[in-house]
């Protein structure tokens, strides 16, 4: 079995295990467990809490004491047990704490998966820049396939999605121990705690341009998981009026169009960055979020409403990729080479940490505000999110000053 194939299998199951529940769990909690929007949002916000510190902590373990592939494997074995536990919990308080632990052990595996992939490929003489992207795309394929399986098995409103994810994590946990060794690369003992935790990049807040960028990263990060959290509950609520519609019968398949779009828009990013520059590409992302939410607001499972839903799924690729990837490239260009890794970590903290936490909590309160007698006013909910994204886009256009440098962009995007 070739080494590239083995790394591909790891990437596939890394995201296959996540796709089994990330999009459909909200529907299960609202439709089956009858949680409120605030409760659902707070459970999704646990991913933001975990992203603030767990990737750094397990990263230290892998850097200093234990092989990275073993840390990855052990994390997934623990995840498997936690997911089985989560599938059996029915009350909010218990599920909140279990899902917090799930997030604490899943979120670091995203970075560990990349680290193991890079280490193995590099040690075997492969070109990471050339060979890793085609491998990583199979992670997205795994995510989509897991969504489809959950949908076709009619588990979108069932705890079976968590058992299925647990089985996937169990397989990956065991499989990780069969991978080539990725031993720790010991750092200098003289490093400060700030350096060890990857917090050097906070010095970037002294620069007005960077401070504004990171603040908007947090604000937009709050929008990134909203449709993942409430997209399926929204579609399930059409069941009374359109019980035989495709959107109600196969919500995960419909939502998976967003992930398919994501893989396609990734391919367009080099062109857009070279042609328009980072600021305009990030603005495209922000205004794409306005359309993403707005189209949900006017969408429905029948007629032209279904077309609006499809368009919303397609535009998700631009909304998600254009900010995440162009933002990461902006950090790469503007940061001192000595703190680039820390700067990328700070970008993740602001978007997937603080942003995701604020988005989870805030979106839950918005859903509850527009819920009367158990009925959710989805158009007003989605339009509220659309206005939020619009305000961010306008303010970013006004306050973020950046001059496009085509030559620098050509170097990064080639």
Protein backbone atom coordinates (compact mmCIF):
# COMPACT_ATOMS: atom_id res chain seq x y z
CA UNK A 1 0.00 0.00 0.00
CA UNK A 2 1.56 3.32 -1.12
CA UNK A 3 2.34 5.97 1.49
CA UNK A 4 0.28 8.63 -0.28
CA UNK A 5 -2.71 6.30 -0.25
CA UNK A 6 -2.26 5.65 3.47
CA UNK A 7 -2.15 9.37 4.23
CA UNK A 8 -5.21 9.84 2.02
CA UNK A 9 -7.12 7.24 4.07
CA UNK A 10 -6.22 9.14 7.24
CA UNK A 11 -7.45 12.45 5.81
CA UNK A 12 -10.63 10.82 4.51
CA UNK A 13 -11.65 9.40 7.89
CA UNK A 14 -10.52 12.51 9.79
CA UNK A 15 -13.36 14.46 8.19
CA UNK A 16 -15.69 11.51 7.57
CA UNK A 17 -16.04 11.18 11.36
CA UNK A 18 -16.90 14.89 11.66
CA UNK A 19 -19.31 14.99 8.71
CA UNK A 20 -21.38 12.24 10.36
CA UNK A 21 -22.72 14.70 12.95
CA UNK A 22 -21.58 18.31 12.46
CA UNK A 23 -24.39 19.35 10.09
CA UNK A 24 -27.15 17.04 11.35
CA UNK A 25 -26.68 17.28 15.12
CA UNK A 26 -28.62 20.54 15.34
CA UNK A 27 -31.65 18.91 13.74
CA UNK A 28 -31.40 15.98 16.16
CA UNK A 29 -31.21 18.27 19.20
CA UNK A 30 -34.12 20.47 18.14
CA UNK A 31 -36.33 17.86 16.46
CA UNK A 32 -35.71 14.89 18.77
CA UNK A 33 -34.46 16.25 22.09
CA UNK A 34 -36.51 19.48 21.82
CA UNK A 35 -33.68 21.77 22.88
CA UNK A 36 -34.04 25.54 22.48
CA UNK A 37 -32.04 27.53 19.95
CA UNK A 38 -29.87 28.91 22.74
CA UNK A 39 -29.10 25.42 24.01
CA UNK A 40 -28.20 24.17 20.52
CA UNK A 41 -26.05 27.24 19.86
CA UNK A 42 -24.19 26.83 23.16
CA UNK A 43 -23.41 23.18 22.39
CA UNK A 44 -21.98 24.15 18.98
CA UNK A 45 -20.06 26.94 20.75
CA UNK A 46 -18.08 24.27 22.62
CA UNK A 47 -16.00 23.89 19.45
CA UNK A 48 -14.96 27.52 19.82
CA UNK A 49 -14.04 27.02 23.47
CA UNK A 50 -11.97 23.94 22.65
CA UNK A 51 -10.23 25.68 19.73
CA UNK A 52 -8.89 28.35 22.10
CA UNK A 53 -6.46 26.07 23.90
CA UNK A 54 -6.62 22.36 23.07
CA UNK A 55 -4.79 22.44 19.68
CA UNK A 56 -1.89 24.26 21.37
CA UNK A 57 -1.78 21.87 24.33
CA UNK A 58 -1.85 18.66 22.29
CA UNK A 59 0.53 20.28 19.81
CA UNK A 60 3.03 20.73 22.65
CA UNK A 61 2.66 17.06 23.58
CA UNK A 62 3.33 16.02 19.96
CA UNK A 63 6.24 18.46 19.61
CA UNK A 64 8.00 17.44 22.83
CA UNK A 65 7.08 14.03 24.19
CA UNK A 66 4.86 11.71 22.12
CA UNK A 67 4.82 10.81 18.42
CA UNK A 68 2.22 12.91 16.59
CA UNK A 69 0.52 9.89 15.00
CA UNK A 70 0.07 8.37 18.47
CA UNK A 71 -1.43 11.58 19.88
CA UNK A 72 -3.79 11.61 16.89
CA UNK A 73 -4.70 7.96 17.40
CA UNK A 74 -5.25 8.27 21.15
CA UNK A 75 -7.42 11.37 20.63
CA UNK A 76 -9.69 9.51 18.24
CA UNK A 77 -9.94 6.49 20.56
CA UNK A 78 -11.06 8.82 23.37
CA UNK A 79 -13.43 10.53 20.93
CA UNK A 80 -15.02 7.23 20.06
CA UNK A 81 -15.94 6.58 23.68
CA UNK A 82 -17.19 10.14 24.20
CA UNK A 83 -19.42 9.96 21.11
CA UNK A 84 -20.98 6.71 22.33
CA UNK A 85 -21.67 8.48 25.62
CA UNK A 86 -23.15 11.49 23.80
CA UNK A 87 -25.52 9.22 21.86
CA UNK A 88 -27.03 7.99 25.13
CA UNK A 89 -27.49 11.41 26.78
CA UNK A 90 -30.87 13.12 26.43
CA UNK A 91 -30.77 16.16 28.75
CA UNK A 92 -29.11 19.45 27.85
CA UNK A 93 -26.77 19.85 30.83
CA UNK A 94 -25.22 16.39 30.39
CA UNK A 95 -24.97 16.64 26.59
CA UNK A 96 -23.34 20.07 26.86
CA UNK A 97 -20.48 18.72 28.97
CA UNK A 98 -20.06 15.58 26.89
CA UNK A 99 -19.94 17.59 23.65
CA UNK A 100 -17.45 19.98 25.26
CA UNK A 101 -15.15 17.01 25.83
CA UNK A 102 -15.86 15.79 22.28
CA UNK A 103 -14.79 19.20 20.96
CA UNK A 104 -11.70 19.23 23.19
CA UNK A 105 -10.48 16.02 21.61
CA UNK A 106 -11.70 16.56 18.03
CA UNK A 107 -10.59 20.15 17.33
CA UNK A 108 -6.87 19.42 17.96
CA UNK A 109 -6.98 16.45 15.58
CA UNK A 110 -7.51 18.79 12.63
CA UNK A 111 -4.07 20.32 13.19
CA UNK A 112 -2.57 16.96 14.18
CA UNK A 113 -3.88 15.42 10.96
CA UNK A 114 -2.05 18.10 8.99
CA UNK A 115 1.13 17.71 11.06
CA UNK A 116 1.19 13.92 10.60
CA UNK A 117 0.50 14.30 6.87
CA UNK A 118 3.32 16.85 6.41
CA UNK A 119 5.79 14.82 8.49
CA UNK A 120 5.15 11.54 6.68
CA UNK A 121 5.23 13.06 3.20
CA UNK A 122 8.36 15.07 3.95
CA UNK A 123 10.21 12.09 5.42
CA UNK A 124 9.31 10.02 2.34
CA UNK A 125 10.64 12.70 -0.02
CA UNK A 126 7.37 14.11 -1.35
CA UNK A 127 6.72 17.77 -2.21
CA UNK A 128 4.17 18.93 0.40
CA UNK A 129 2.97 21.95 -1.60
CA UNK A 130 2.35 19.78 -4.66
CA UNK A 131 1.25 16.48 -3.12
CA UNK A 132 -0.77 17.41 -0.03
CA UNK A 133 -3.70 19.40 -1.56
CA UNK A 134 -4.91 16.44 -3.72
CA UNK A 135 -4.71 14.29 -0.59
CA UNK A 136 -6.54 16.82 1.61
CA UNK A 137 -9.45 17.16 -0.82
CA UNK A 138 -10.36 13.56 0.05
CA UNK A 139 -11.10 14.83 3.55
CA UNK A 140 -13.88 16.96 2.11
CA UNK A 141 -15.05 13.97 0.05
CA UNK A 142 -15.20 11.96 3.29
CA UNK A 143 -17.18 14.72 5.01
CA UNK A 144 -19.73 14.79 2.18
CA UNK A 145 -20.01 11.00 1.96
CA UNK A 146 -20.68 10.76 5.71
CA UNK A 147 -23.48 13.34 5.35
CA UNK A 148 -25.02 11.31 2.54
CA UNK A 149 -24.86 8.06 4.50
CA UNK A 150 -26.53 9.68 7.54
CA UNK A 151 -29.22 11.05 5.24
CA UNK A 152 -29.91 7.84 3.29
CA UNK A 153 -30.00 5.84 6.53
CA UNK A 154 -32.55 8.34 7.92
CA UNK A 155 -30.35 9.11 10.92
CA UNK A 156 -30.51 12.93 10.70
CA UNK A 157 -32.89 13.01 13.69
CA UNK A 158 -31.37 9.99 15.42
CA UNK A 159 -28.50 9.40 17.88
CA UNK A 160 -27.28 6.79 15.39
CA UNK A 161 -25.28 9.58 13.74
CA UNK A 162 -23.15 9.76 16.89
CA UNK A 163 -22.68 5.98 17.07
CA UNK A 164 -21.66 6.02 13.39
CA UNK A 165 -19.13 8.78 14.04
CA UNK A 166 -17.84 6.84 17.06
CA UNK A 167 -17.19 3.78 14.87
CA UNK A 168 -15.31 5.97 12.37
CA UNK A 169 -13.16 7.51 15.09
CA UNK A 170 -12.46 4.05 16.53
CA UNK A 171 -11.21 2.89 13.13
CA UNK A 172 -9.07 6.00 12.61
CA UNK A 173 -7.71 5.79 16.14
CA UNK A 174 -6.48 2.24 15.58
CA UNK A 175 -5.33 2.98 12.02
CA UNK A 176 -3.21 5.94 13.21
CA UNK A 177 -0.98 3.61 15.23
CA UNK A 178 -0.05 1.76 12.02
CA UNK A 179 1.27 4.90 10.30
CA UNK A 180 5.00 5.70 9.96
CA UNK A 181 6.48 7.26 13.10
CA UNK A 182 6.36 11.06 13.46
CA UNK A 183 8.69 11.58 16.46
CA UNK A 184 8.77 14.79 18.49
CA UNK A 185 11.06 17.57 17.37
CA UNK A 186 12.29 18.98 20.65
CA UNK A 187 12.36 22.74 21.01
CA UNK A 188 14.89 24.82 22.89
CA UNK A 189 14.43 24.65 26.66
CA UNK A 190 14.95 28.39 26.78
CA UNK A 191 11.66 29.17 25.09
CA UNK A 192 9.19 31.18 27.15
CA UNK A 193 5.71 29.90 27.96
CA UNK A 194 4.33 32.45 25.49
CA UNK A 195 6.47 30.97 22.71
CA UNK A 196 5.57 27.39 23.65
CA UNK A 197 1.85 28.19 23.53
CA UNK A 198 2.23 29.95 20.19
CA UNK A 199 1.17 33.36 21.50
CA UNK A 200 4.06 35.36 20.04
CA UNK A 201 1.77 36.66 17.31
CA UNK A 202 -0.26 38.80 19.74
CA UNK A 203 2.40 41.44 19.11
CA UNK A 204 0.68 41.95 15.74
CA UNK A 205 -2.16 43.75 17.54
CA UNK A 206 0.23 46.68 17.89
CA UNK A 207 -0.19 47.24 14.13
CA UNK A 208 -3.47 49.00 13.34
CA UNK A 209 -3.96 47.11 10.08
CA UNK A 210 -3.44 43.72 11.69
CA UNK A 211 -5.55 44.56 14.74
CA UNK A 212 -8.46 45.55 12.48
CA UNK A 213 -8.02 42.39 10.43
CA UNK A 214 -8.08 40.09 13.47
CA UNK A 215 -11.10 41.86 14.97
CA UNK A 216 -13.04 41.36 11.73
CA UNK A 217 -11.79 37.77 11.59
CA UNK A 218 -13.49 37.20 14.92
CA UNK A 219 -16.69 38.97 13.83
CA UNK A 220 -16.94 37.01 10.59
CA UNK A 221 -15.91 33.83 12.38
CA UNK A 222 -19.17 34.19 14.30
CA UNK A 223 -21.04 33.62 11.03
CA UNK A 224 -19.09 30.60 9.77
CA UNK A 225 -20.98 27.89 11.66
CA UNK A 226 -24.48 29.41 11.81
CA UNK A 227 -25.89 27.50 8.84
CA UNK A 228 -24.09 24.34 9.95
CA UNK A 229 -25.85 24.70 13.31
CA UNK A 230 -29.34 25.69 12.19
CA UNK A 231 -29.50 24.71 8.50
CA UNK A 232 -31.04 21.28 9.06
CA UNK A 233 -33.44 22.38 11.83
CA UNK A 234 -34.64 25.03 9.35
CA UNK A 235 -35.29 22.40 6.67
CA UNK A 236 -36.92 19.98 9.12
CA UNK A 237 -39.44 22.69 10.08
CA UNK A 238 -40.92 22.49 6.57
CA UNK A 239 -42.05 18.91 7.26
CA UNK A 240 -45.64 19.88 8.14
CA UNK A 241 -46.18 21.89 4.95
CA UNK A 242 -43.96 19.99 2.47
CA UNK A 243 -43.60 16.46 3.91
CA UNK A 244 -42.72 14.86 0.57
CA UNK A 245 -40.23 17.49 -0.62
CA UNK A 246 -36.60 16.63 -1.33
CA UNK A 247 -35.38 19.26 1.15
CA UNK A 248 -37.35 17.68 4.00
CA UNK A 249 -36.65 14.05 3.07
CA UNK A 250 -32.94 14.56 2.35
CA UNK A 251 -31.75 17.65 4.26
CA UNK A 252 -28.15 16.42 4.62
CA UNK A 253 -27.82 15.80 0.89
CA UNK A 254 -29.12 19.28 0.15
CA UNK A 255 -26.77 20.80 2.73
CA UNK A 256 -23.85 18.82 1.26
CA UNK A 257 -24.08 20.94 -1.89
CA UNK A 258 -22.38 23.60 0.25
CA UNK A 259 -19.36 21.36 0.81
CA UNK A 260 -19.27 20.37 -2.87
CA UNK A 261 -19.28 24.07 -3.76
CA UNK A 262 -16.46 24.62 -1.29
CA UNK A 263 -14.19 22.18 -3.12
CA UNK A 264 -14.88 23.94 -6.43
CA UNK A 265 -14.37 27.50 -5.20
CA UNK A 266 -10.99 26.57 -3.73
CA UNK A 267 -9.75 26.12 -7.30
CA UNK A 268 -10.75 29.69 -8.25
CA UNK A 269 -8.95 31.43 -5.38
CA UNK A 270 -5.55 31.91 -7.09
CA UNK A 271 -7.22 33.70 -10.02
CA UNK A 272 -9.35 35.96 -7.82
CA UNK A 273 -6.45 36.84 -5.53
CA UNK A 274 -4.13 37.75 -8.41
CA UNK A 275 -6.85 39.70 -10.20
CA UNK A 276 -8.54 41.55 -7.33
CA UNK A 277 -6.28 41.34 -4.26
CA UNK A 278 -6.91 40.13 -0.74
CA UNK A 279 -9.16 42.94 0.48
CA UNK A 280 -11.62 42.63 -2.41
CA UNK A 281 -11.65 38.82 -2.16
CA UNK A 282 -12.41 39.02 1.57
CA UNK A 283 -15.17 41.53 0.81
CA UNK A 284 -16.61 39.09 -1.72
CA UNK A 285 -16.73 36.55 1.08
CA UNK A 286 -18.51 38.90 3.46
CA UNK A 287 -21.16 39.90 0.94
CA UNK A 288 -21.51 36.25 -0.09
CA UNK A 289 -22.54 35.59 3.52
CA UNK A 290 -25.24 38.24 3.10
CA UNK A 291 -26.61 36.29 0.13
CA UNK A 292 -26.14 32.94 1.89
CA UNK A 293 -28.36 34.02 4.78
CA UNK A 294 -30.72 36.12 2.65
CA UNK A 295 -31.43 33.28 0.22
CA UNK A 296 -32.20 31.01 3.18
CA UNK A 297 -34.64 33.69 4.32
CA UNK A 298 -36.64 33.57 1.08
CA UNK A 299 -36.02 29.89 0.37
CA UNK A 300 -38.49 27.02 0.69
CA UNK A 301 -38.70 23.38 -0.52
CA UNK A 302 -40.98 24.13 -3.49
CA UNK A 303 -40.79 26.05 -6.77
CA UNK A 304 -38.60 29.11 -6.95
CA UNK A 305 -37.99 28.82 -3.20
CA UNK A 306 -36.04 25.60 -3.80
CA UNK A 307 -33.92 27.38 -6.41
CA UNK A 308 -33.06 29.99 -3.77
CA UNK A 309 -31.97 27.20 -1.40
CA UNK A 310 -29.72 25.69 -4.08
CA UNK A 311 -28.20 29.10 -4.84
CA UNK A 312 -27.53 29.58 -1.14
CA UNK A 313 -25.72 26.25 -1.02
CA UNK A 314 -23.61 27.15 -4.05
CA UNK A 315 -22.61 30.58 -2.76
CA UNK A 316 -21.42 29.00 0.49
CA UNK A 317 -18.20 27.96 -1.27
CA UNK A 318 -17.28 31.59 -1.94
CA UNK A 319 -18.46 32.74 1.50
CA UNK A 320 -16.41 30.17 3.40
CA UNK A 321 -13.28 29.71 1.26
CA UNK A 322 -12.64 33.26 0.15
CA UNK A 323 -12.25 34.50 3.72
CA UNK A 324 -10.55 31.51 5.32
CA UNK A 325 -7.93 30.98 2.64
CA UNK A 326 -7.32 34.59 1.61
CA UNK A 327 -7.19 35.56 5.29
CA UNK A 328 -4.60 32.88 5.93
CA UNK A 329 -2.55 34.14 2.98
CA UNK A 330 -2.81 37.72 4.27
CA UNK A 331 -1.37 36.58 7.61
CA UNK A 332 1.39 34.70 5.75
CA UNK A 333 2.37 37.81 3.77
CA UNK A 334 2.18 40.35 6.59
CA UNK A 335 3.79 38.38 9.44
CA UNK A 336 7.47 38.19 10.30
CA UNK A 337 8.77 34.74 9.25
CA UNK A 338 9.80 34.11 12.88
CA UNK A 339 6.18 34.20 14.09
CA UNK A 340 4.25 32.99 11.03
CA UNK A 341 3.18 29.74 12.68
CA UNK A 342 1.98 31.64 15.74
CA UNK A 343 0.23 34.18 13.51
CA UNK A 344 -1.66 31.39 11.73
CA UNK A 345 -2.59 30.01 15.14
CA UNK A 346 -3.88 33.43 16.19
CA UNK A 347 -5.97 33.62 13.01
CA UNK A 348 -7.52 30.25 13.92
CA UNK A 349 -8.15 31.37 17.51
CA UNK A 350 -9.96 34.50 16.34
CA UNK A 351 -12.11 32.70 13.75
CA UNK A 352 -12.64 29.14 15.01
CA UNK A 353 -12.14 30.01 18.67
CA UNK A 354 -13.57 33.33 19.81
CA UNK A 355 -15.60 33.83 16.63
CA UNK A 356 -17.16 30.37 16.71
CA UNK A 357 -18.00 30.74 20.41
CA UNK A 358 -19.67 34.13 19.95
CA UNK A 359 -21.48 32.89 16.83
CA UNK A 360 -22.80 29.80 18.56
CA UNK A 361 -24.08 31.69 21.58
CA UNK A 362 -25.38 34.70 19.66
CA UNK A 363 -27.15 32.73 16.92
CA UNK A 364 -28.92 30.62 19.54
CA UNK A 365 -30.31 33.73 21.20
CA UNK A 366 -31.48 35.08 17.83
CA UNK A 367 -33.33 31.84 17.08
CA UNK A 368 -35.01 31.89 20.50
CA UNK A 369 -35.95 35.57 20.11
CA UNK A 370 -37.90 34.77 16.93
CA UNK A 371 -39.50 31.62 18.38
CA UNK A 372 -43.06 31.97 19.66
CA UNK A 373 -45.09 29.05 21.01
CA UNK A 374 -42.57 26.58 19.59
CA UNK A 375 -42.77 28.06 16.07
CA UNK A 376 -39.62 29.59 14.63
CA UNK A 377 -39.86 32.60 12.29
CA UNK A 378 -37.05 31.48 10.00
CA UNK A 379 -37.24 34.37 7.49
CA UNK A 380 -36.66 36.93 10.27
CA UNK A 381 -33.91 34.74 11.76
CA UNK A 382 -32.01 34.49 8.48
CA UNK A 383 -32.56 38.15 7.58
CA UNK A 384 -31.11 39.13 10.98
CA UNK A 385 -27.97 37.14 10.19
CA UNK A 386 -27.86 38.69 6.70
CA UNK A 387 -27.98 42.21 8.16
CA UNK A 388 -25.19 41.27 10.57
CA UNK A 389 -22.99 40.08 7.67
CA UNK A 390 -23.84 43.21 5.67
CA UNK A 391 -22.79 45.50 8.52
CA UNK A 392 -19.48 43.63 8.88
CA UNK A 393 -18.84 43.94 5.14
CA UNK A 394 -19.52 47.68 5.04
CA UNK A 395 -17.41 48.38 8.12
CA UNK A 396 -14.56 46.23 6.78
CA UNK A 397 -14.64 48.13 3.49
CA UNK A 398 -14.35 51.43 5.39
CA UNK A 399 -11.81 50.62 8.09
CA UNK A 400 -9.49 48.00 6.57
CA UNK A 401 -6.82 49.69 4.47
CA UNK A 402 -4.73 47.47 2.25
CA UNK A 403 -2.94 48.02 -1.05
CA UNK A 404 -2.95 45.12 -3.48
CA UNK A 405 0.53 43.85 -4.42
CA UNK A 406 0.18 41.62 -7.53
CA UNK A 407 3.83 40.51 -7.42
CA UNK A 408 3.60 39.26 -3.83
CA UNK A 409 0.35 37.51 -4.66
CA UNK A 410 1.84 35.76 -7.69
CA UNK A 411 4.56 34.27 -5.48
CA UNK A 412 2.04 32.86 -2.97
CA UNK A 413 -0.62 31.60 -5.39
CA UNK A 414 1.66 29.84 -7.90
